[in-house]
Every structure is written in structure tokens, then in C-alpha cells.
Protein backbone atom coordinates (compact mmCIF):
# COMPACT_ATOMS: atom_id res chain seq x y z
CA MET A 1 21.75 77.83 46.27
CA ILE A 2 19.28 80.21 47.99
CA LEU A 3 19.25 83.37 49.99
CA ASP A 4 19.41 82.80 53.74
CA PRO A 5 15.80 82.10 54.86
CA GLN A 6 16.04 84.43 57.82
CA GLU A 7 17.34 87.21 55.65
CA LEU A 8 14.48 86.68 53.19
CA MET A 9 11.94 86.78 56.04
CA ASN A 10 13.45 90.01 57.30
CA LEU A 11 12.99 91.53 53.87
CA ILE A 12 9.33 90.50 53.65
CA ASN A 13 8.67 91.80 57.20
CA ILE A 14 10.06 95.19 56.22
CA ASP A 15 7.93 95.31 53.08
CA LEU A 16 4.81 94.14 54.97
CA LYS A 17 5.09 97.02 57.44
CA LYS A 18 5.14 99.46 54.53
CA THR A 19 1.86 98.19 53.07
CA LYS A 20 -1.03 100.57 53.79
CA ASN A 21 -3.92 98.82 52.07
CA ILE A 22 -5.08 95.52 50.57
CA LYS A 23 -4.05 96.56 47.07
CA GLU A 24 -0.43 97.11 48.11
CA LEU A 25 -0.49 93.80 49.98
CA GLU A 26 -1.61 91.97 46.82
CA LYS A 27 1.34 93.43 44.92
CA LEU A 28 3.67 92.30 47.68
CA LYS A 29 2.20 88.81 47.50
CA VAL A 30 2.90 88.64 43.77
CA LYS A 31 6.45 89.86 44.40
CA TYR A 32 7.28 87.10 46.89
CA LEU A 33 4.94 84.26 45.89
CA GLY A 34 3.94 84.95 42.29
CA LYS A 35 4.95 82.99 39.18
CA ASN A 36 8.02 85.16 38.54
CA SER A 37 9.01 85.63 42.17
CA TYR A 38 12.37 84.72 43.62
CA LEU A 39 10.85 81.81 45.47
CA SER A 40 9.24 80.36 42.33
CA ASN A 41 12.56 80.57 40.48
CA GLN A 42 14.24 78.65 43.31
CA PHE A 43 11.62 75.92 43.08
CA PHE A 44 12.23 75.77 39.33
CA ASN A 45 15.99 75.37 39.83
CA LEU A 46 15.56 72.36 42.11
CA ARG A 47 15.44 70.17 39.00
CA LYS A 48 19.16 70.83 38.44
CA LEU A 49 20.17 69.36 41.80
CA PHE A 50 20.97 65.83 42.86
CA LEU A 51 18.30 63.95 44.79
CA LYS A 52 19.72 64.53 48.33
CA GLU A 53 20.18 68.25 47.68
CA LYS A 54 16.75 68.43 46.05
CA ILE A 55 15.12 66.93 49.17
CA LYS A 56 17.09 69.24 51.50
CA TYR A 57 16.37 72.49 49.65
CA SER A 58 12.76 71.67 48.77
CA ALA A 59 12.02 71.29 52.49
CA ILE A 60 13.65 74.66 53.17
CA LEU A 61 11.74 76.36 50.36
CA ASN A 62 8.37 74.84 51.39
CA GLN A 63 8.84 75.97 54.98
CA LEU A 64 9.79 79.42 53.76
CA LYS A 65 6.70 79.57 51.56
CA LEU A 66 4.39 78.61 54.44
CA GLU A 67 5.90 81.28 56.72
CA MET A 68 5.53 83.93 54.02
CA GLN A 69 1.89 82.98 53.39
CA SER A 70 1.19 83.14 57.12
CA LYS A 71 2.77 86.59 57.43
CA ILE A 72 0.80 87.93 54.46
CA LEU A 73 -2.49 86.53 55.82
CA GLU A 74 -1.79 88.04 59.24
CA ARG A 75 -1.12 91.44 57.67
CA LYS A 76 -4.31 91.17 55.60
CA LYS A 77 -6.47 90.61 58.70
CA LYS A 78 -4.87 93.60 60.40
CA LEU A 79 -5.43 95.87 57.40
CA GLU A 80 -9.09 94.77 57.16
CA PHE A 81 -9.56 95.48 60.87
CA LEU A 82 -8.02 98.95 60.51
CA LEU A 83 -10.22 99.62 57.48
CA ASN A 84 -13.39 98.68 59.41
CA GLU A 85 -12.34 100.82 62.36
CA LYS A 86 -11.81 103.77 60.08
CA LYS A 87 -15.19 103.23 58.42
CA ILE A 88 -16.97 103.03 61.79
CA ARG A 89 -15.38 106.26 63.00
CA LYS A 90 -16.23 107.99 59.75
CA GLU A 91 -19.91 106.91 59.79
CA ASN A 92 -20.40 107.58 63.51
CA ILE A 93 -21.74 104.09 64.16
CA ASP A 94 -22.48 103.43 67.81
CA THR A 95 -21.81 99.71 68.14
CA SER A 96 -23.17 99.73 71.69
CA LEU A 97 -26.72 100.45 70.48
CA SER A 98 -29.15 97.55 70.42
CA GLY A 99 -29.97 96.15 67.00
CA ARG A 100 -33.11 96.84 65.01
CA ARG A 101 -36.02 94.75 66.19
CA ILE A 102 -36.96 91.97 63.81
CA GLU A 103 -40.67 91.27 63.66
CA ASN A 104 -41.28 87.55 63.95
CA GLY A 105 -44.09 85.91 62.07
CA THR A 106 -46.90 84.03 63.76
CA LEU A 107 -49.05 80.98 63.13
CA HIS A 108 -51.97 81.30 60.74
CA PRO A 109 -55.27 81.39 62.70
CA ILE A 110 -56.43 78.17 61.04
CA THR A 111 -53.23 76.43 62.16
CA THR A 112 -53.78 77.73 65.68
CA ILE A 113 -57.33 76.34 65.77
CA ILE A 114 -56.15 72.93 64.46
CA ASN A 115 -53.41 72.82 67.11
CA ASN A 116 -55.89 73.70 69.87
CA ILE A 117 -58.34 71.01 68.78
CA GLU A 118 -55.57 68.41 68.43
CA TYR A 119 -54.28 69.34 71.89
CA PHE A 120 -57.66 68.52 73.46
CA PHE A 121 -58.12 65.16 71.77
CA LEU A 122 -54.52 64.02 72.22
CA HIS A 123 -55.03 64.46 75.96
CA LEU A 124 -58.00 62.09 75.74
CA GLY A 125 -55.76 59.41 74.23
CA PHE A 126 -56.54 59.96 70.54
CA LYS A 127 -53.80 59.48 67.95
CA SER A 128 -53.47 62.06 65.17
CA VAL A 129 -53.03 60.62 61.67
CA THR A 130 -52.93 62.06 58.15
CA GLY A 131 -53.72 60.62 54.76
CA PRO A 132 -53.69 61.26 50.99
CA GLU A 133 -55.60 64.22 49.59
CA ILE A 134 -56.01 62.44 46.25
CA GLU A 135 -58.40 59.58 46.99
CA ASP A 136 -60.11 56.76 45.12
CA GLU A 137 -63.85 56.33 44.79
CA TYR A 138 -63.95 53.31 47.10
CA HIS A 139 -62.36 54.93 50.18
CA ASN A 140 -64.08 58.29 49.70
CA PHE A 141 -67.59 56.98 48.96
CA SER A 142 -68.41 53.27 48.60
CA ALA A 143 -66.67 51.98 51.73
CA LEU A 144 -68.44 54.73 53.72
CA ASN A 145 -71.85 53.41 52.66
CA ILE A 146 -72.48 56.38 50.34
CA PRO A 147 -74.77 55.19 47.51
CA LYS A 148 -73.97 55.56 43.82
CA ASN A 149 -76.71 58.17 43.28
CA HIS A 150 -75.69 60.37 46.20
CA PRO A 151 -75.42 64.10 45.20
CA SER A 152 -71.92 64.42 46.69
CA ARG A 153 -70.60 62.17 43.89
CA SER A 154 -71.62 64.58 41.12
CA ASN A 155 -69.19 66.81 39.24
CA LYS A 156 -71.03 69.83 40.62
CA ASP A 157 -69.89 68.98 44.15
CA THR A 158 -66.66 67.00 43.69
CA PHE A 159 -63.37 67.54 41.83
CA TRP A 160 -62.82 64.33 39.84
CA PHE A 161 -59.61 63.48 37.98
CA ASP A 162 -61.14 60.49 36.23
CA ILE A 163 -63.81 57.87 36.90
CA ASN A 164 -61.95 56.58 39.98
CA ARG A 165 -59.67 59.35 41.36
CA LEU A 166 -60.74 62.59 43.02
CA LEU A 167 -59.70 65.26 45.49
CA ARG A 168 -61.08 63.90 48.75
CA THR A 169 -64.31 65.51 49.91
CA GLN A 170 -63.94 64.44 53.55
CA THR A 171 -61.32 63.15 55.97
CA SER A 172 -63.70 60.24 56.68
CA SER A 173 -61.85 58.28 53.99
CA MET A 174 -59.03 57.84 56.51
CA GLN A 175 -61.45 55.97 58.79
CA ILE A 176 -61.51 53.21 56.18
CA ARG A 177 -57.75 53.22 55.60
CA ILE A 178 -56.98 52.99 59.32
CA MET A 179 -59.58 50.26 59.99
CA GLU A 180 -58.18 48.25 57.06
CA LYS A 181 -54.68 48.31 58.57
CA GLU A 182 -55.27 48.30 62.33
CA LYS A 183 -57.26 46.07 64.63
CA PRO A 184 -59.55 47.47 67.35
CA PRO A 185 -59.33 49.22 69.70
CA ILE A 186 -58.88 52.31 67.48
CA LYS A 187 -58.94 55.90 68.69
CA ILE A 188 -57.87 58.50 66.12
CA ILE A 189 -58.38 62.01 64.85
CA VAL A 190 -57.65 62.99 61.25
CA PRO A 191 -56.89 66.66 60.56
CA GLY A 192 -56.42 67.67 56.93
CA LYS A 193 -57.50 69.51 53.79
CA VAL A 194 -60.62 68.53 51.87
CA TYR A 195 -62.06 69.83 48.60
CA ARG A 196 -65.57 70.64 47.37
CA ASN A 197 -66.84 72.66 44.45
CA ASP A 198 -68.29 75.57 46.39
CA TYR A 199 -67.34 79.21 47.00
CA ASP A 200 -69.09 81.96 48.98
CA ALA A 201 -68.86 83.76 52.32
CA THR A 202 -69.12 80.50 54.26
CA HIS A 203 -67.59 78.02 51.77
CA THR A 204 -64.29 77.70 49.89
CA PRO A 205 -63.14 75.03 47.39
CA MET A 206 -60.46 73.93 49.87
CA PHE A 207 -61.02 73.83 53.61
CA HIS A 208 -59.95 71.83 56.66
CA GLN A 209 -61.72 69.07 58.53
CA ILE A 210 -60.94 67.10 61.65
CA GLU A 211 -62.41 63.61 61.79
CA GLY A 212 -62.64 61.56 64.97
CA LEU A 213 -63.13 57.80 65.27
CA ILE A 214 -63.36 55.32 68.15
CA ILE A 215 -63.75 51.56 67.60
CA ASP A 216 -63.94 49.36 70.68
CA LYS A 217 -66.18 47.07 72.67
CA LYS A 218 -69.10 48.58 74.61
CA ILE A 219 -68.94 51.96 72.84
CA ASN A 220 -72.27 53.76 72.80
CA PHE A 221 -73.79 57.14 72.01
CA SER A 222 -73.31 58.32 75.61
CA ASN A 223 -69.54 58.05 75.18
CA LEU A 224 -69.75 60.14 72.01
CA LYS A 225 -72.01 62.72 73.63
CA TRP A 226 -69.66 63.13 76.62
CA ILE A 227 -66.63 63.69 74.35
CA ILE A 228 -68.42 66.25 72.18
CA GLN A 229 -69.78 68.18 75.16
CA LYS A 230 -66.40 68.30 76.89
CA PHE A 231 -64.72 69.49 73.72
CA LEU A 232 -67.23 72.29 73.08
CA TYR A 233 -67.06 73.45 76.72
CA VAL A 234 -63.26 73.68 76.48
CA PHE A 235 -63.29 75.33 73.06
CA PHE A 236 -66.10 77.88 73.52
CA GLY A 237 -66.30 78.12 77.33
CA LYS A 238 -68.44 76.45 79.98
CA ASP A 239 -71.33 78.86 79.41
CA VAL A 240 -71.94 77.73 75.84
CA LYS A 241 -75.40 76.25 75.19
CA ILE A 242 -75.38 72.98 73.21
CA ARG A 243 -78.08 70.90 71.59
CA PHE A 244 -77.99 67.54 69.79
CA ARG A 245 -80.29 67.38 66.79
CA VAL A 246 -81.28 64.16 64.97
CA SER A 247 -79.74 64.03 61.49
CA TYR A 248 -78.71 61.60 58.76
CA PHE A 249 -75.30 60.55 57.42
CA PRO A 250 -74.79 57.44 55.25
CA PHE A 251 -71.85 56.24 57.35
CA THR A 252 -73.40 56.62 60.84
CA THR A 253 -76.62 55.49 62.50
CA PRO A 254 -78.02 56.96 64.64
CA SER A 255 -76.65 60.35 63.58
CA ALA A 256 -76.80 63.82 65.05
CA GLU A 257 -75.79 67.37 64.33
CA ILE A 258 -74.61 69.59 67.18
CA ASP A 259 -75.57 73.23 67.43
CA ILE A 260 -74.42 75.98 69.77
CA MET A 261 -76.29 79.16 70.69
CA GLY A 262 -74.79 82.18 68.93
CA ASN A 263 -74.55 85.76 70.16
CA ASN A 264 -77.67 86.56 68.14
CA ARG A 265 -79.61 83.95 70.18
CA GLU A 266 -79.86 81.65 67.17
CA TRP A 267 -78.64 78.06 66.91
CA ILE A 268 -75.50 77.49 64.79
CA GLU A 269 -74.42 74.06 63.53
CA VAL A 270 -70.80 73.23 64.48
CA LEU A 271 -70.27 69.51 63.78
CA GLY A 272 -71.85 66.17 62.93
CA CYS A 273 -71.49 62.82 64.66
CA GLY A 274 -73.01 59.37 65.10
CA MET A 275 -72.46 55.68 65.68
CA VAL A 276 -70.51 54.01 62.88
CA HIS A 277 -72.86 52.22 60.49
CA PRO A 278 -72.61 48.37 60.60
CA ASN A 279 -72.10 48.35 56.81
CA VAL A 280 -68.93 50.46 57.22
CA LEU A 281 -67.55 48.02 59.80
CA ASN A 282 -68.40 45.07 57.53
CA ASN A 283 -66.55 46.74 54.64
CA VAL A 284 -63.31 46.62 56.67
CA ASP A 285 -63.90 43.12 58.13
CA ILE A 286 -64.66 44.29 61.68
CA ASN A 287 -67.36 42.28 63.45
CA HIS A 288 -70.13 44.81 64.14
CA ARG A 289 -71.69 42.51 66.74
CA LYS A 290 -68.49 42.46 68.78
CA TYR A 291 -67.25 46.02 68.17
CA LYS A 292 -69.04 49.35 68.04
CA GLY A 293 -67.80 52.67 66.82
CA CYS A 294 -68.56 56.34 67.07
CA ALA A 295 -67.36 59.11 64.80
CA PHE A 296 -67.53 62.86 64.50
CA GLY A 297 -66.39 65.48 62.02
CA LEU A 298 -66.02 69.23 62.19
CA GLY A 299 -65.04 72.00 59.81
CA VAL A 300 -62.04 73.90 61.15
CA GLU A 301 -62.90 77.12 59.33
CA ARG A 302 -66.44 77.07 60.78
CA MET A 303 -64.97 76.70 64.28
CA ALA A 304 -62.45 79.48 63.58
CA MET A 305 -65.16 81.84 62.34
CA LEU A 306 -67.18 81.31 65.51
CA TYR A 307 -64.16 81.46 67.80
CA TYR A 308 -62.77 84.69 66.29
CA GLN A 309 -66.19 86.06 65.25
CA ILE A 310 -65.22 86.35 61.57
CA SER A 311 -68.08 87.02 59.15
CA ASP A 312 -66.46 85.87 55.89
CA LEU A 313 -64.55 82.59 55.54
CA ARG A 314 -62.53 83.92 52.59
CA TYR A 315 -60.59 86.29 54.85
CA PHE A 316 -58.55 83.33 56.06
CA PHE A 317 -57.18 82.62 52.58
CA GLU A 318 -56.61 86.10 51.11
CA ASN A 319 -53.20 86.53 52.85
CA ASP A 320 -54.00 90.13 53.80
CA LEU A 321 -51.39 91.03 56.43
CA ARG A 322 -53.74 93.61 57.94
CA PHE A 323 -56.07 90.74 58.78
CA LEU A 324 -53.44 88.15 59.80
CA LYS A 325 -51.55 90.51 62.12
CA GLN A 326 -54.59 90.64 64.40
CA PHE A 327 -53.93 87.05 65.51
CA LYS A 328 -50.46 87.49 67.08
């Protein structure tokens, strides 16, 4: 019926040794395994045999085919290895040399500042949470005790989608969302992007804020003052001069703004804070007689400008590699 399998393997071994390149090997493969090869013809002739003979010879032919495929693949790997060796010798490649150094990227300076601030507050037991950047009017304004005629609600200051939806102007909206879902005690910080219609050397339409909130029994302004002072001493150094200045925010009372002394011996505002207004607590069904709260908010870019001594906020968002490479 068929040529002796061992004899056929001897023939293919002889032909394989004669192949000098991949092209010759492909021709040899067609010769022994192609559609018109001897092996294919034998498979075709199996239909003429009785069932027992068909089973016997089909097993022999399949085994023969597998051995031939294995031999051809083995020869292909060897030819490819020899080809690479020849190419290396020809191009004088020194494989013992160390590879070219790949320059790794680094964190954006704003990301670094956010991470540093988060690191401080997480060690004080705060939980970091995030929220939606597209907000509704209630969570962004009304629930925070911001009146209907407040300037921050105007189209000149805020990006509105319609009468109810807007790009959030402050991370304070997450105070409301968290207090609606969780019961006191609450201790959170909220880092994230906020949006306001402003653009100059110290303002951009999109920037980052970090909001802080504590709701618990027996919370007072002294607790807030201690936290803010410790944070600023860690962030700017123990020699930094700090002052608390009376201010006004609709969602806190009493309220204060915190300044630090700059290199030019002038005071620079860095963040705002205060005790959570009773109306805000009432809006989320928290008993303001039983629980008190304190809150603070800071602009990350403002902190980054002071920390790195950058004069123009827009540098952070221009993606100029000459600028960004300085923060490795």
C-alpha cells in the first residue's frame, strides 16, 4: 500500500540536510506535505480499502505526517538561528553591551501635590472619596446654603448645561452627598476637578480642589485650627508664618481664611475653612444640636505654585516637556 515509513523518513532527512534557507525548506514542505505530495495521495487512496485496512493505514500515515511536520519545524528553527547568527556577525553587534537606557516618565506636579496632601490627611484618619464632576443645582448650591442671587450661580462664573445641571464649581457638593448617605461620625477629604469661567495667570477654567469635612460630637473651631496648622507646617515647613483671618462663606459659620507669609514678606491666602453652617446640617437631616462639623477647602494649583514657586498657573496645563521635566 505505502512506502516503508522508515524509508520515507530517511528520504526526508536527506533532503532536509540539503536545505540552505527558508525558501528551500518551504519547497520541501510542499513536496512531502502539499496537496499533490506522495503522502496526500496515500490519504486519498484510503477510500479504496476495507474498514480494518483503512484504520490500520490511516494510523500509519497520520503518525508519519506528524513526524515529518516535526522534522520540518526543527529544521526551520535551526535555519532561522543560523540566519540570525550570520546577521549579527555581519553587523558587528556586540550582544554583551548593555541596552539603551529608556527614560521613564514621572508624575505630573499637580498629581504629586495631591498625593502629598492626601498622604497627610489619610494618616489623620480621613477617608478619601470622589464624586461626579457634572452636578445638579441642589448639591452644588442650594444644599450648601448658597442663596439664589449669589454671584457664583451666574453664567459668567459657572458652566451650566441647563437650568439644573452644571460642571461643579466646588468639591463641597460631595459634603452633601456623603452626609446624605452616611451617619456621623464622618471624616473625609474630597480631591477632584472643579470648573469656573475664569482664565489668567492665577486662574484656569479647570482646576483641582481638596475639600475636608468632619462631622462628630464636640467638634469645635480649635480642632479645625489644629488640623490646618499641622498640615501647613508639614507642607511648607515648621518656619512658615500662619494667620487666621475672619471671612464669610455661605456654608460655614464662623468662617476664616488662612494666609501664609510669602518670600516677599506679604501675606498670601492658601485656603478657607469654618464650622459647618446649621442650615447645611439640617438639609441632610443631621441634628445640629447634637453634632457639629468643620470643613476646609484648598486649591491644589495655588498650593503647587507656592510650593514650587511658579509664577503662572497655566504652566501646569501647557504640557511643555521642558517645564515638566524639572519635577523628576
